[in-house]
């Protein structure tokens, strides 16, 4: 798997299409803002390829680097390429390339789609945290969403304060205090 920064990619239109078609309206920010933010303030947005030599992108992933953890904000595989194992390979690469604990947001386990997504991450050694979490609205025209948090390092949260991590995510990612 090869993760190329959006700012260096020739495939910004396809990355935009994957981003906008993969998430509900309330779970994404304006894409022009994503492009402006990419590569700044510890925010990285990558176009994902099978290898450095491949020309066809297979997905996108956006990451926020904090001092004590990494937050995956968005992750999606192009629709026609889903369920082929690429998602597992990408998350495995991100885990292997980073020594910090990783936090992700997922929908509550109330639908088959949400349960499938949670199981996907569990197979990659992520754990669902028992913590009420509300994703702030990205803009005034969007709504906050009740989500859940998962991590690949549950032990880290036994010695670190999850509330502190959530405050950092809300402040840096969603620009709320």
C-alpha atoms as a PDB file:
ATOM      1  CA  UNK A   1       0.000   0.000   0.000  1.00  0.00           C
ATOM      2  CA  UNK A   2       1.218   3.480  -0.839  1.00  0.00           C
ATOM      3  CA  UNK A   3      -0.220   6.575   0.829  1.00  0.00           C
ATOM      4  CA  UNK A   4       0.421   9.700  -1.196  1.00  0.00           C
ATOM      5  CA  UNK A   5      -0.314  13.123   0.313  1.00  0.00           C
ATOM      6  CA  UNK A   6      -3.253  14.777  -1.441  1.00  0.00           C
ATOM      7  CA  UNK A   7      -1.151  17.843  -2.186  1.00  0.00           C
ATOM      8  CA  UNK A   8       1.204  15.673  -4.310  1.00  0.00           C
ATOM      9  CA  UNK A   9      -1.478  13.555  -5.966  1.00  0.00           C
ATOM     10  CA  UNK A  10      -2.694  13.756  -9.548  1.00  0.00           C
ATOM     11  CA  UNK A  11      -5.978  12.203  -8.405  1.00  0.00           C
ATOM     12  CA  UNK A  12      -7.583  14.979  -6.388  1.00  0.00           C
ATOM     13  CA  UNK A  13     -10.891  14.715  -8.279  1.00  0.00           C
ATOM     14  CA  UNK A  14     -11.203  10.990  -7.602  1.00  0.00           C
ATOM     15  CA  UNK A  15     -10.213  11.539  -3.959  1.00  0.00           C
ATOM     16  CA  UNK A  16     -12.968  14.161  -3.709  1.00  0.00           C
ATOM     17  CA  UNK A  17     -15.488  11.756  -5.265  1.00  0.00           C
ATOM     18  CA  UNK A  18     -14.560   8.971  -2.825  1.00  0.00           C
ATOM     19  CA  UNK A  19     -14.743  11.368   0.127  1.00  0.00           C
ATOM     20  CA  UNK A  20     -18.101  12.899  -0.793  1.00  0.00           C
ATOM     21  CA  UNK A  21     -19.776   9.619  -1.770  1.00  0.00           C
ATOM     22  CA  UNK A  22     -18.585   7.542   1.188  1.00  0.00           C
ATOM     23  CA  UNK A  23     -19.926   9.475   4.174  1.00  0.00           C
ATOM     24  CA  UNK A  24     -23.234  11.013   5.240  1.00  0.00           C
ATOM     25  CA  UNK A  25     -23.475  14.793   4.859  1.00  0.00           C
ATOM     26  CA  UNK A  26     -23.134  15.402   8.605  1.00  0.00           C
ATOM     27  CA  UNK A  27     -19.894  13.368   8.779  1.00  0.00           C
ATOM     28  CA  UNK A  28     -17.799  15.403   6.327  1.00  0.00           C
ATOM     29  CA  UNK A  29     -16.471  18.916   5.990  1.00  0.00           C
ATOM     30  CA  UNK A  30     -16.516  21.069   2.878  1.00  0.00           C
ATOM     31  CA  UNK A  31     -14.006  19.444   0.524  1.00  0.00           C
ATOM     32  CA  UNK A  32     -12.431  22.763  -0.485  1.00  0.00           C
ATOM     33  CA  UNK A  33     -11.532  23.174   3.186  1.00  0.00           C
ATOM     34  CA  UNK A  34     -10.075  19.638   3.264  1.00  0.00           C
ATOM     35  CA  UNK A  35      -7.804  20.578   0.348  1.00  0.00           C
ATOM     36  CA  UNK A  36      -6.753  23.819   2.090  1.00  0.00           C
ATOM     37  CA  UNK A  37      -6.013  22.002   5.361  1.00  0.00           C
ATOM     38  CA  UNK A  38      -4.106  19.049   3.867  1.00  0.00           C
ATOM     39  CA  UNK A  39      -0.504  18.988   5.031  1.00  0.00           C
ATOM     40  CA  UNK A  40      -1.029  21.683   7.674  1.00  0.00           C
ATOM     41  CA  UNK A  41      -1.587  21.686  11.441  1.00  0.00           C
ATOM     42  CA  UNK A  42      -0.828  17.980  11.845  1.00  0.00           C
ATOM     43  CA  UNK A  43      -3.583  17.053   9.360  1.00  0.00           C
ATOM     44  CA  UNK A  44      -2.723  14.649   6.561  1.00  0.00           C
ATOM     45  CA  UNK A  45      -5.055  13.569   3.791  1.00  0.00           C
ATOM     46  CA  UNK A  46      -3.798  10.713   1.649  1.00  0.00           C
ATOM     47  CA  UNK A  47      -4.828   9.159  -1.631  1.00  0.00           C
ATOM     48  CA  UNK A  48      -4.167   5.412  -1.332  1.00  0.00           C
ATOM     49  CA  UNK A  49      -2.683   3.277  -4.106  1.00  0.00           C
ATOM     50  CA  UNK A  50      -1.842  -0.441  -4.183  1.00  0.00           C
ATOM     51  CA  UNK A  51       1.804   0.501  -4.698  1.00  0.00           C
ATOM     52  CA  UNK A  52       3.977   3.474  -5.559  1.00  0.00           C
ATOM     53  CA  UNK A  53       3.912   2.371  -9.229  1.00  0.00           C
ATOM     54  CA  UNK A  54       0.120   1.986  -9.459  1.00  0.00           C
ATOM     55  CA  UNK A  55      -1.738   4.835 -11.133  1.00  0.00           C
ATOM     56  CA  UNK A  56      -5.268   3.948  -9.993  1.00  0.00           C
ATOM     57  CA  UNK A  57      -6.213   5.129  -6.479  1.00  0.00           C
ATOM     58  CA  UNK A  58      -8.124   2.658  -4.338  1.00  0.00           C
ATOM     59  CA  UNK A  59      -9.145   4.906  -1.448  1.00  0.00           C
ATOM     60  CA  UNK A  60      -8.520   7.803   0.908  1.00  0.00           C
ATOM     61  CA  UNK A  61      -7.512   8.209   4.522  1.00  0.00           C
ATOM     62  CA  UNK A  62      -7.148  11.339   6.640  1.00  0.00           C
ATOM     63  CA  UNK A  63      -5.134  11.452   9.845  1.00  0.00           C
ATOM     64  CA  UNK A  64      -4.545  13.912  12.658  1.00  0.00           C
ATOM     65  CA  UNK A  65      -1.271  13.587  14.543  1.00  0.00           C
ATOM     66  CA  UNK A  66      -1.476  14.520  18.206  1.00  0.00           C
ATOM     67  CA  UNK A  67       1.349  14.357  20.717  1.00  0.00           C
ATOM     68  CA  UNK A  68       0.043  11.171  22.365  1.00  0.00           C
ATOM     69  CA  UNK A  69      -2.194   9.560  19.742  1.00  0.00           C
ATOM     70  CA  UNK A  70      -3.227   9.439  16.092  1.00  0.00           C
ATOM     71  CA  UNK A  71      -6.823  10.116  15.057  1.00  0.00           C
ATOM     72  CA  UNK A  72      -8.191   8.661  11.814  1.00  0.00           C
ATOM     73  CA  UNK A  73     -10.837  11.130  10.720  1.00  0.00           C
ATOM     74  CA  UNK A  74     -11.921   9.605   7.403  1.00  0.00           C
ATOM     75  CA  UNK A  75     -11.154   6.319   5.709  1.00  0.00           C
ATOM     76  CA  UNK A  76     -12.859   4.954   2.613  1.00  0.00           C
ATOM     77  CA  UNK A  77     -12.228   2.549  -0.236  1.00  0.00           C
ATOM     78  CA  UNK A  78     -13.558   3.295  -3.717  1.00  0.00           C
ATOM     79  CA  UNK A  79     -16.979   1.574  -3.933  1.00  0.00           C
ATOM     80  CA  UNK A  80     -16.147  -0.886  -6.720  1.00  0.00           C
ATOM     81  CA  UNK A  81     -13.060  -2.100  -4.803  1.00  0.00           C
ATOM     82  CA  UNK A  82     -14.654  -2.737  -1.408  1.00  0.00           C
ATOM     83  CA  UNK A  83     -14.615  -6.169   0.256  1.00  0.00           C
ATOM     84  CA  UNK A  84     -11.359  -7.178  -1.443  1.00  0.00           C
ATOM     85  CA  UNK A  85      -9.110  -6.856   1.627  1.00  0.00           C
ATOM     86  CA  UNK A  86      -7.651  -3.455   0.749  1.00  0.00           C
ATOM     87  CA  UNK A  87      -9.114  -1.737   3.805  1.00  0.00           C
ATOM     88  CA  UNK A  88      -7.445  -4.202   6.174  1.00  0.00           C
ATOM     89  CA  UNK A  89      -4.110  -3.745   4.419  1.00  0.00           C
ATOM     90  CA  UNK A  90      -4.336   0.042   4.656  1.00  0.00           C
ATOM     91  CA  UNK A  91      -5.223   0.094   8.358  1.00  0.00           C
ATOM     92  CA  UNK A  92      -2.497  -2.479   9.054  1.00  0.00           C
ATOM     93  CA  UNK A  93       0.022  -0.246   7.266  1.00  0.00           C
ATOM     94  CA  UNK A  94      -1.069   2.819   9.249  1.00  0.00           C
ATOM     95  CA  UNK A  95      -0.757   0.859  12.517  1.00  0.00           C
ATOM     96  CA  UNK A  96       2.679  -0.497  11.571  1.00  0.00           C
ATOM     97  CA  UNK A  97       3.952   2.911  10.448  1.00  0.00           C
ATOM     98  CA  UNK A  98       2.896   4.656  13.676  1.00  0.00           C
ATOM     99  CA  UNK A  99       3.904   3.878  17.229  1.00  0.00           C
ATOM    100  CA  UNK A 100       1.164   6.016  18.791  1.00  0.00           C
ATOM    101  CA  UNK A 101      -2.241   4.658  19.824  1.00  0.00           C
ATOM    102  CA  UNK A 102      -4.890   5.181  17.142  1.00  0.00           C
ATOM    103  CA  UNK A 103      -8.424   6.433  17.721  1.00  0.00           C
ATOM    104  CA  UNK A 104     -11.273   6.171  15.223  1.00  0.00           C
ATOM    105  CA  UNK A 105     -14.943   7.130  15.267  1.00  0.00           C
ATOM    106  CA  UNK A 106     -17.602   4.593  14.281  1.00  0.00           C
ATOM    107  CA  UNK A 107     -21.374   4.575  14.231  1.00  0.00           C
ATOM    108  CA  UNK A 108     -23.089   3.084  17.296  1.00  0.00           C
ATOM    109  CA  UNK A 109     -23.696  -0.682  16.937  1.00  0.00           C
ATOM    110  CA  UNK A 110     -27.370  -0.281  16.055  1.00  0.00           C
ATOM    111  CA  UNK A 111     -27.436  -1.246  12.357  1.00  0.00           C
ATOM    112  CA  UNK A 112     -26.011  -4.124  10.344  1.00  0.00           C
ATOM    113  CA  UNK A 113     -23.734  -1.710   8.476  1.00  0.00           C
ATOM    114  CA  UNK A 114     -22.383  -0.270  11.743  1.00  0.00           C
ATOM    115  CA  UNK A 115     -21.910  -3.745  13.237  1.00  0.00           C
ATOM    116  CA  UNK A 116     -20.017  -4.845  10.127  1.00  0.00           C
ATOM    117  CA  UNK A 117     -17.733  -1.803  10.360  1.00  0.00           C
ATOM    118  CA  UNK A 118     -17.070  -2.405  14.063  1.00  0.00           C
ATOM    119  CA  UNK A 119     -16.246  -6.057  13.347  1.00  0.00           C
ATOM    120  CA  UNK A 120     -13.882  -4.947  10.577  1.00  0.00           C
ATOM    121  CA  UNK A 121     -11.883  -2.902  13.075  1.00  0.00           C
ATOM    122  CA  UNK A 122     -12.090  -5.573  15.785  1.00  0.00           C
ATOM    123  CA  UNK A 123     -10.432  -8.040  13.387  1.00  0.00           C
ATOM    124  CA  UNK A 124      -7.580  -5.519  13.188  1.00  0.00           C
ATOM    125  CA  UNK A 125      -7.231  -5.517  17.019  1.00  0.00           C
ATOM    126  CA  UNK A 126      -9.238  -2.369  17.671  1.00  0.00           C
ATOM    127  CA  UNK A 127     -11.531  -2.269  20.694  1.00  0.00           C
ATOM    128  CA  UNK A 128     -14.801  -0.411  21.136  1.00  0.00           C
ATOM    129  CA  UNK A 129     -14.510   1.976  24.071  1.00  0.00           C
ATOM    130  CA  UNK A 130     -17.326   2.221  26.577  1.00  0.00           C
ATOM    131  CA  UNK A 131     -17.573   6.002  26.334  1.00  0.00           C
ATOM    132  CA  UNK A 132     -20.391   8.332  25.244  1.00  0.00           C
ATOM    133  CA  UNK A 133     -19.115  10.390  22.329  1.00  0.00           C
ATOM    134  CA  UNK A 134     -20.761  13.162  20.344  1.00  0.00           C
ATOM    135  CA  UNK A 135     -19.057  14.276  17.152  1.00  0.00           C
ATOM    136  CA  UNK A 136     -19.499  18.048  16.899  1.00  0.00           C
ATOM    137  CA  UNK A 137     -21.072  19.489  13.768  1.00  0.00           C
ATOM    138  CA  UNK A 138     -18.581  20.437  11.063  1.00  0.00           C
ATOM    139  CA  UNK A 139     -20.548  23.578  10.216  1.00  0.00           C
ATOM    140  CA  UNK A 140     -23.664  25.532  11.166  1.00  0.00           C
ATOM    141  CA  UNK A 141     -25.641  23.702   8.475  1.00  0.00           C
ATOM    142  CA  UNK A 142     -24.697  20.266   9.805  1.00  0.00           C
ATOM    143  CA  UNK A 143     -25.693  18.330  12.900  1.00  0.00           C
ATOM    144  CA  UNK A 144     -23.668  16.750  15.696  1.00  0.00           C
ATOM    145  CA  UNK A 145     -23.720  12.939  15.589  1.00  0.00           C
ATOM    146  CA  UNK A 146     -23.616  10.353  18.332  1.00  0.00           C
ATOM    147  CA  UNK A 147     -20.754   8.007  17.526  1.00  0.00           C
ATOM    148  CA  UNK A 148     -18.483   5.569  19.348  1.00  0.00           C
ATOM    149  CA  UNK A 149     -14.720   5.497  19.659  1.00  0.00           C
ATOM    150  CA  UNK A 150     -12.444   2.573  18.919  1.00  0.00           C
ATOM    151  CA  UNK A 151      -8.720   2.206  19.571  1.00  0.00           C
ATOM    152  CA  UNK A 152      -5.928  -0.208  18.816  1.00  0.00           C
ATOM    153  CA  UNK A 153      -4.446   0.363  22.293  1.00  0.00           C
ATOM    154  CA  UNK A 154      -7.071  -0.033  25.004  1.00  0.00           C
ATOM    155  CA  UNK A 155      -4.303  -0.267  27.625  1.00  0.00           C
ATOM    156  CA  UNK A 156      -3.247   3.274  26.756  1.00  0.00           C
ATOM    157  CA  UNK A 157      -6.653   4.519  27.894  1.00  0.00           C
ATOM    158  CA  UNK A 158      -6.238   2.854  31.268  1.00  0.00           C
ATOM    159  CA  UNK A 159      -3.380   5.252  31.995  1.00  0.00           C
ATOM    160  CA  UNK A 160      -4.472   8.211  29.892  1.00  0.00           C
ATOM    161  CA  UNK A 161      -7.635  10.212  30.116  1.00  0.00           C
ATOM    162  CA  UNK A 162     -10.071   9.592  27.265  1.00  0.00           C
ATOM    163  CA  UNK A 163     -11.788  12.886  28.076  1.00  0.00           C
ATOM    164  CA  UNK A 164      -8.482  14.689  27.469  1.00  0.00           C
ATOM    165  CA  UNK A 165      -8.093  12.980  24.083  1.00  0.00           C
ATOM    166  CA  UNK A 166     -11.678  13.887  23.132  1.00  0.00           C
ATOM    167  CA  UNK A 167     -11.083  17.532  24.129  1.00  0.00           C
ATOM    168  CA  UNK A 168      -8.004  17.605  21.887  1.00  0.00           C
ATOM    169  CA  UNK A 169      -9.926  16.071  18.974  1.00  0.00           C
ATOM    170  CA  UNK A 170     -12.805  18.518  19.420  1.00  0.00           C
ATOM    171  CA  UNK A 171     -10.459  21.499  19.650  1.00  0.00           C
ATOM    172  CA  UNK A 172      -8.147  20.672  16.721  1.00  0.00           C
ATOM    173  CA  UNK A 173     -10.340  18.649  14.362  1.00  0.00           C
ATOM    174  CA  UNK A 174     -13.750  20.234  14.908  1.00  0.00           C
ATOM    175  CA  UNK A 175     -12.559  23.666  16.129  1.00  0.00           C
ATOM    176  CA  UNK A 176     -14.793  23.664  19.228  1.00  0.00           C
ATOM    177  CA  UNK A 177     -13.756  23.997  22.853  1.00  0.00           C
END
